[in-house]
Amino acid sequence: MGAAAPVVVVANPTAGHGRAGKRIGAVDAILRQLRVEHEVRVAGSSAEMEATCREAALQGAEIVAVLGGDGTVSCAANGLLGTGAALAVLPAGTGDDFASAIGAGSFPSAVRLLANPKTVSIDVVRLRAGDADRRFVNIAGAGFDSEVTETANAMTVNLGGTGTYVAALVRTLSRFTPARYDMTVDGVAFTVDAMLVVIGSGLSYGGGMKVLPHASIVDGVMDVCIVEALSKGAFLRAFPKVFSGRHASHPKVRMMRATSVTVEANRGIQVYADGERMGPLPARFEVEPGALPVVVGPDAKGIR
């Protein structure tokens, strides 16, 4: 096994509807200009991304910088956990919400962070759903939002992160019905009729929707948002508040914090985490504090 450069850039060229592929040359040029010793590798699939990142870390890379979106970052995180190598994010996806949380929201500035990197150990969440046993770094959802994500992923027109999500939301709402959830949050069991359940350490998803506005990726707990059953009209009236986080004060929204959560439902619901389908309910979520070193920028909104 050959030695890796101190910084290994792993690119998913298909991320962001091909945006990542177009930025590979720019990453290499900026790092050369900054005299950062590095190499670039390409991974075409989720499994290849995870394996390539882990291989780079085991070959001695100190930082593995991922060029892609939230789903690509999630695969990289699973590959890097336990290796000691730090994850850096070079945003090139559709939403890039996790990149924003760690202060890497701007592509050029994110690349420049690698010249003088500052690392912080962040929380990850272990998710078990169906056959999946995975970690995620941002947000997971089960219910209306996961069905919206399935609709958005199937759309062929790129309207940007937020635009695509809003268009998918309107399509999904016309056919959606709430579900009955049986939940246990840090040992307390309850049942609720709800539109969706969201769990994570990140602040936003879907390109800037602040669904967990008070979350922190370093506090050792998960934030939970439950949107109770609403009429379609009431939901549409309340929805814009998610962009500012003001939905948290809505009378039909429950905000909680926990270290472990289990979720079941009375019908088939898929769990999506970091924008990727993980498996069906029932699911169990457990926080793993400080599990992953990450390169952060000065405006890391998720570190507080």
Protein backbone atom coordinates (compact mmCIF):
# COMPACT_ATOMS: atom_id res chain seq x y z
CA MET A 1 0.00 0.00 0.00
CA GLY A 2 1.60 3.27 -1.13
CA ALA A 3 1.70 6.40 0.99
CA ALA A 4 -0.91 9.10 0.39
CA ALA A 5 -0.29 12.83 0.24
CA PRO A 6 -1.09 14.77 3.44
CA VAL A 7 -4.24 16.10 1.74
CA VAL A 8 -6.23 13.81 -0.53
CA VAL A 9 -9.11 15.30 -2.50
CA VAL A 10 -11.78 12.75 -3.39
CA ALA A 11 -14.26 13.97 -5.99
CA ASN A 12 -17.69 12.70 -6.93
CA PRO A 13 -17.91 14.15 -10.46
CA THR A 14 -21.67 13.62 -10.72
CA ALA A 15 -22.58 15.59 -7.57
CA GLY A 16 -24.59 18.77 -8.01
CA HIS A 17 -25.71 17.69 -11.49
CA GLY A 18 -22.08 17.58 -12.62
CA ARG A 19 -20.93 20.71 -10.78
CA ALA A 20 -18.33 18.75 -8.80
CA GLY A 21 -16.73 17.32 -11.92
CA LYS A 22 -16.28 20.81 -13.35
CA ARG A 23 -14.52 21.97 -10.16
CA ILE A 24 -11.84 19.30 -9.96
CA GLY A 25 -9.39 21.38 -11.98
CA ALA A 26 -10.08 24.48 -9.87
CA VAL A 27 -9.36 22.60 -6.65
CA ASP A 28 -6.06 21.34 -7.98
CA ALA A 29 -5.07 24.82 -9.24
CA ILE A 30 -5.89 26.58 -5.95
CA LEU A 31 -4.03 24.01 -3.85
CA ARG A 32 -0.99 24.23 -6.13
CA GLN A 33 -1.06 28.01 -5.78
CA LEU A 34 -1.23 27.66 -2.00
CA ARG A 35 1.58 25.06 -2.10
CA VAL A 36 -0.52 22.45 -0.31
CA GLU A 37 0.88 18.98 -0.94
CA HIS A 38 -2.06 17.00 -2.26
CA GLU A 39 -3.41 14.47 -4.71
CA VAL A 40 -6.80 14.07 -6.37
CA ARG A 41 -8.79 10.85 -6.61
CA VAL A 42 -12.18 10.23 -8.22
CA ALA A 43 -14.97 8.01 -6.93
CA GLY A 44 -18.04 7.32 -9.04
CA SER A 45 -20.41 5.54 -6.64
CA SER A 46 -21.37 5.83 -2.97
CA ALA A 47 -19.58 2.60 -2.12
CA GLU A 48 -16.49 3.71 -4.05
CA MET A 49 -16.50 7.09 -2.30
CA GLU A 50 -16.55 5.46 1.14
CA ALA A 51 -13.85 2.95 0.20
CA THR A 52 -11.62 5.56 -1.48
CA CYS A 53 -11.77 7.89 1.51
CA ARG A 54 -10.96 5.10 3.93
CA GLU A 55 -8.10 3.87 1.77
CA ALA A 56 -6.59 7.37 1.63
CA ALA A 57 -6.78 7.66 5.42
CA LEU A 58 -5.18 4.25 5.95
CA GLN A 59 -2.41 5.24 3.53
CA GLY A 60 -1.54 8.17 5.81
CA ALA A 61 -3.59 11.11 4.58
CA GLU A 62 -4.08 13.62 7.37
CA ILE A 63 -7.05 15.30 5.67
CA VAL A 64 -9.47 13.81 3.16
CA ALA A 65 -11.26 16.63 1.35
CA VAL A 66 -14.51 15.62 -0.31
CA LEU A 67 -15.72 17.42 -3.42
CA GLY A 68 -19.47 16.90 -3.62
CA GLY A 69 -22.77 17.40 -1.83
CA ASP A 70 -24.29 16.25 1.46
CA GLY A 71 -24.80 12.66 0.29
CA THR A 72 -21.18 12.42 -0.83
CA VAL A 73 -20.02 13.85 2.49
CA SER A 74 -22.06 11.26 4.37
CA CYS A 75 -20.38 8.41 2.48
CA ALA A 76 -16.97 9.93 3.17
CA ALA A 77 -17.72 10.29 6.87
CA ASN A 78 -18.62 6.60 7.12
CA GLY A 79 -15.34 5.74 5.46
CA LEU A 80 -13.23 7.98 7.69
CA LEU A 81 -14.71 7.18 11.09
CA GLY A 82 -12.13 5.56 13.32
CA THR A 83 -9.16 6.28 11.05
CA GLY A 84 -8.02 9.51 12.72
CA ALA A 85 -8.02 11.42 9.42
CA ALA A 86 -9.98 14.66 9.30
CA LEU A 87 -12.84 15.27 6.87
CA ALA A 88 -12.86 18.49 4.83
CA VAL A 89 -15.80 19.51 2.65
CA LEU A 90 -15.46 21.27 -0.70
CA PRO A 91 -19.11 22.07 -1.50
CA ALA A 92 -20.34 21.17 -4.97
CA GLY A 93 -23.76 19.65 -4.35
CA THR A 94 -27.35 20.79 -4.63
CA GLY A 95 -27.93 21.90 -1.04
CA ASP A 96 -24.57 21.78 0.78
CA ASP A 97 -26.21 22.28 4.17
CA PHE A 98 -23.54 20.46 6.14
CA ALA A 99 -20.83 22.54 4.47
CA SER A 100 -22.60 25.65 5.73
CA ALA A 101 -22.79 24.22 9.27
CA ILE A 102 -19.00 23.75 9.41
CA GLY A 103 -18.16 27.10 7.81
CA ALA A 104 -17.26 25.70 4.38
CA GLY A 105 -20.24 27.10 2.51
CA SER A 106 -18.24 28.93 -0.16
CA PHE A 107 -16.30 26.69 -2.56
CA PRO A 108 -13.16 28.89 -2.97
CA SER A 109 -12.91 29.65 0.74
CA ALA A 110 -13.43 25.98 1.62
CA VAL A 111 -10.47 25.01 -0.56
CA ARG A 112 -8.32 27.72 1.04
CA LEU A 113 -9.06 26.33 4.51
CA LEU A 114 -6.75 23.45 3.60
CA ALA A 115 -3.70 25.74 3.66
CA ASN A 116 -4.02 26.32 7.40
CA PRO A 117 -6.63 23.84 8.60
CA LYS A 118 -8.41 24.04 11.93
CA THR A 119 -10.11 20.84 13.02
CA VAL A 120 -12.92 20.21 15.48
CA SER A 121 -14.27 16.81 16.55
CA ILE A 122 -17.99 16.72 15.78
CA ASP A 123 -20.86 14.44 16.75
CA VAL A 124 -22.22 11.84 14.37
CA VAL A 125 -25.48 9.92 14.64
CA ARG A 126 -25.73 6.17 14.30
CA LEU A 127 -28.86 5.10 12.43
CA ARG A 128 -30.23 1.57 12.22
CA ALA A 129 -33.17 1.14 9.84
CA GLY A 130 -34.01 -2.05 7.99
CA ASP A 131 -30.72 -3.58 6.84
CA ALA A 132 -28.85 -0.29 7.24
CA ASP A 133 -26.45 0.45 10.08
CA ARG A 134 -24.90 3.77 9.13
CA ARG A 135 -23.68 7.09 10.53
CA PHE A 136 -24.80 10.49 9.33
CA VAL A 137 -23.49 13.97 10.07
CA ASN A 138 -26.37 16.33 9.37
CA ILE A 139 -30.09 15.53 9.46
CA ALA A 140 -32.41 12.55 8.99
CA GLY A 141 -36.14 12.65 8.32
CA ALA A 142 -39.00 10.18 8.18
CA GLY A 143 -42.40 11.16 6.81
CA PHE A 144 -43.39 14.03 4.60
CA ASP A 145 -39.85 15.31 4.18
CA SER A 146 -38.44 11.91 3.19
CA GLU A 147 -41.21 11.54 0.60
CA VAL A 148 -40.38 15.02 -0.69
CA THR A 149 -36.73 13.97 -0.99
CA GLU A 150 -37.73 10.92 -3.02
CA THR A 151 -39.74 13.19 -5.32
CA ALA A 152 -36.87 15.71 -5.59
CA ASN A 153 -34.33 13.00 -6.39
CA ALA A 154 -36.54 11.80 -9.25
CA MET A 155 -36.87 15.28 -10.79
CA THR A 156 -34.91 15.85 -13.99
CA VAL A 157 -35.02 19.66 -13.89
CA ASN A 158 -32.41 21.37 -11.67
CA LEU A 159 -34.01 24.33 -9.86
CA GLY A 160 -31.22 24.70 -7.29
CA GLY A 161 -31.28 23.21 -3.80
CA THR A 162 -34.20 25.20 -2.40
CA GLY A 163 -36.13 25.50 -5.66
CA THR A 164 -36.01 21.78 -6.32
CA TYR A 165 -37.14 21.01 -2.77
CA VAL A 166 -40.06 23.45 -2.90
CA ALA A 167 -41.25 22.07 -6.24
CA ALA A 168 -41.06 18.53 -4.88
CA LEU A 169 -42.89 19.62 -1.72
CA VAL A 170 -45.88 20.91 -3.69
CA ARG A 171 -46.07 17.70 -5.70
CA THR A 172 -45.84 15.50 -2.61
CA LEU A 173 -48.36 17.43 -0.48
CA SER A 174 -51.19 16.79 -2.91
CA ARG A 175 -51.11 13.05 -2.16
CA PHE A 176 -49.72 12.96 1.40
CA THR A 177 -51.50 11.78 4.56
CA PRO A 178 -50.04 11.99 8.12
CA ALA A 179 -48.93 8.83 9.95
CA ARG A 180 -49.16 7.63 13.53
CA TYR A 181 -45.72 7.41 15.11
CA ASP A 182 -44.71 5.43 18.19
CA MET A 183 -41.58 7.05 19.58
CA THR A 184 -39.23 6.63 22.52
CA VAL A 185 -37.03 9.63 23.30
CA ASP A 186 -34.41 8.97 25.98
CA GLY A 187 -36.63 6.29 27.50
CA VAL A 188 -39.91 8.26 27.37
CA ALA A 189 -42.49 6.60 25.10
CA PHE A 190 -45.37 8.38 23.37
CA THR A 191 -47.59 8.22 20.28
CA VAL A 192 -48.23 11.13 17.94
CA ASP A 193 -50.04 11.71 14.65
CA ALA A 194 -47.54 13.67 12.62
CA MET A 195 -46.48 14.92 9.23
CA LEU A 196 -42.84 14.15 9.85
CA VAL A 197 -40.09 13.44 12.36
CA VAL A 198 -36.65 15.01 11.91
CA ILE A 199 -33.57 14.04 13.95
CA GLY A 200 -29.98 15.22 13.74
CA SER A 201 -27.12 17.46 14.81
CA GLY A 202 -27.15 19.84 11.85
CA LEU A 203 -29.21 23.00 11.51
CA SER A 204 -30.65 22.84 8.01
CA TYR A 205 -31.44 20.65 5.03
CA GLY A 206 -32.99 21.06 1.60
CA GLY A 207 -30.72 23.98 0.75
CA GLY A 208 -31.20 26.20 3.80
CA MET A 209 -34.35 25.13 5.62
CA LYS A 210 -33.47 25.61 9.29
CA VAL A 211 -35.52 22.68 10.58
CA LEU A 212 -33.31 22.27 13.69
CA PRO A 213 -32.47 25.95 14.30
CA HIS A 214 -30.86 25.48 17.72
CA ALA A 215 -28.82 22.36 16.95
CA SER A 216 -25.09 22.03 17.51
CA ILE A 217 -22.75 19.46 16.00
CA VAL A 218 -20.50 19.49 19.08
CA ASP A 219 -22.88 19.36 22.07
CA GLY A 220 -23.26 15.58 22.37
CA VAL A 221 -27.02 15.48 21.81
CA MET A 222 -29.43 15.23 18.88
CA ASP A 223 -32.19 17.72 18.19
CA VAL A 224 -35.64 16.37 17.31
CA CYS A 225 -38.43 18.15 15.44
CA ILE A 226 -41.92 16.64 15.25
CA VAL A 227 -44.50 18.37 13.07
CA GLU A 228 -47.88 17.14 14.22
CA ALA A 229 -50.72 16.43 11.80
CA LEU A 230 -51.90 19.54 9.95
CA SER A 231 -54.32 20.26 7.13
CA LYS A 232 -52.66 20.89 3.79
CA GLY A 233 -53.57 24.57 3.98
CA ALA A 234 -52.22 24.98 7.51
CA PHE A 235 -49.01 23.22 6.54
CA LEU A 236 -48.46 25.48 3.53
CA ARG A 237 -49.06 28.58 5.65
CA ALA A 238 -46.56 27.41 8.27
CA PHE A 239 -43.94 26.08 5.84
CA PRO A 240 -42.18 29.38 4.98
CA LYS A 241 -41.22 29.79 8.65
CA VAL A 242 -38.73 26.90 8.31
CA PHE A 243 -36.35 29.13 6.34
CA SER A 244 -35.83 31.32 9.40
CA GLY A 245 -36.35 28.64 12.06
CA ARG A 246 -39.48 30.36 13.36
CA HIS A 247 -41.52 27.19 12.78
CA ALA A 248 -40.10 25.97 16.11
CA SER A 249 -42.63 28.12 17.99
CA HIS A 250 -45.64 26.82 16.04
CA PRO A 251 -48.21 25.12 18.34
CA LYS A 252 -48.12 21.95 16.23
CA VAL A 253 -44.33 21.64 16.34
CA ARG A 254 -42.49 19.80 19.13
CA MET A 255 -38.79 20.46 19.59
CA MET A 256 -36.84 18.02 21.78
CA ARG A 257 -33.26 17.00 22.53
CA ALA A 258 -32.02 13.47 23.13
CA THR A 259 -29.14 11.03 23.00
CA SER A 260 -31.24 8.09 21.76
CA VAL A 261 -34.50 7.93 19.80
CA THR A 262 -36.56 5.08 18.36
CA VAL A 263 -39.28 5.68 15.77
CA GLU A 264 -42.00 3.38 14.41
CA ALA A 265 -45.01 4.19 12.22
CA ASN A 266 -48.33 2.64 11.27
CA ARG A 267 -47.42 2.56 7.57
CA GLY A 268 -44.37 2.17 5.39
CA ILE A 269 -42.07 5.19 5.66
CA GLN A 270 -38.51 5.49 4.43
CA VAL A 271 -35.79 7.20 6.45
CA TYR A 272 -33.53 9.61 4.59
CA ALA A 273 -30.30 10.88 6.14
CA ASP A 274 -28.00 13.47 4.59
CA GLY A 275 -30.24 13.34 1.52
CA GLU A 276 -29.78 9.58 0.97
CA ARG A 277 -32.28 6.76 1.46
CA MET A 278 -31.21 4.60 4.41
CA GLY A 279 -34.07 2.17 5.03
CA PRO A 280 -37.63 1.85 6.33
CA LEU A 281 -39.02 2.49 9.79
CA PRO A 282 -38.72 1.26 12.52
CA ALA A 283 -35.42 2.99 13.18
CA ARG A 284 -33.08 3.72 16.07
CA PHE A 285 -30.91 6.82 16.39
CA GLU A 286 -27.98 7.21 18.81
CA VAL A 287 -25.55 10.10 19.08
CA GLU A 288 -21.80 9.40 19.07
CA PRO A 289 -20.20 12.52 20.56
CA GLY A 290 -16.98 13.89 19.09
CA ALA A 291 -16.53 10.94 16.78
CA LEU A 292 -15.22 12.66 13.65
CA PRO A 293 -12.53 15.36 13.19
CA VAL A 294 -13.63 17.93 10.61
CA VAL A 295 -11.92 20.96 9.06
CA VAL A 296 -13.98 24.01 9.99
CA GLY A 297 -14.12 27.62 8.86
CA PRO A 298 -14.52 30.82 10.90
CA ASP A 299 -18.28 31.01 10.26
CA ALA A 300 -19.25 27.51 11.43
CA LYS A 301 -22.91 28.03 12.38
CA GLY A 302 -23.26 24.52 13.76
CA ILE A 303 -20.51 24.91 16.36
CA ARG A 304 -21.94 26.57 19.48
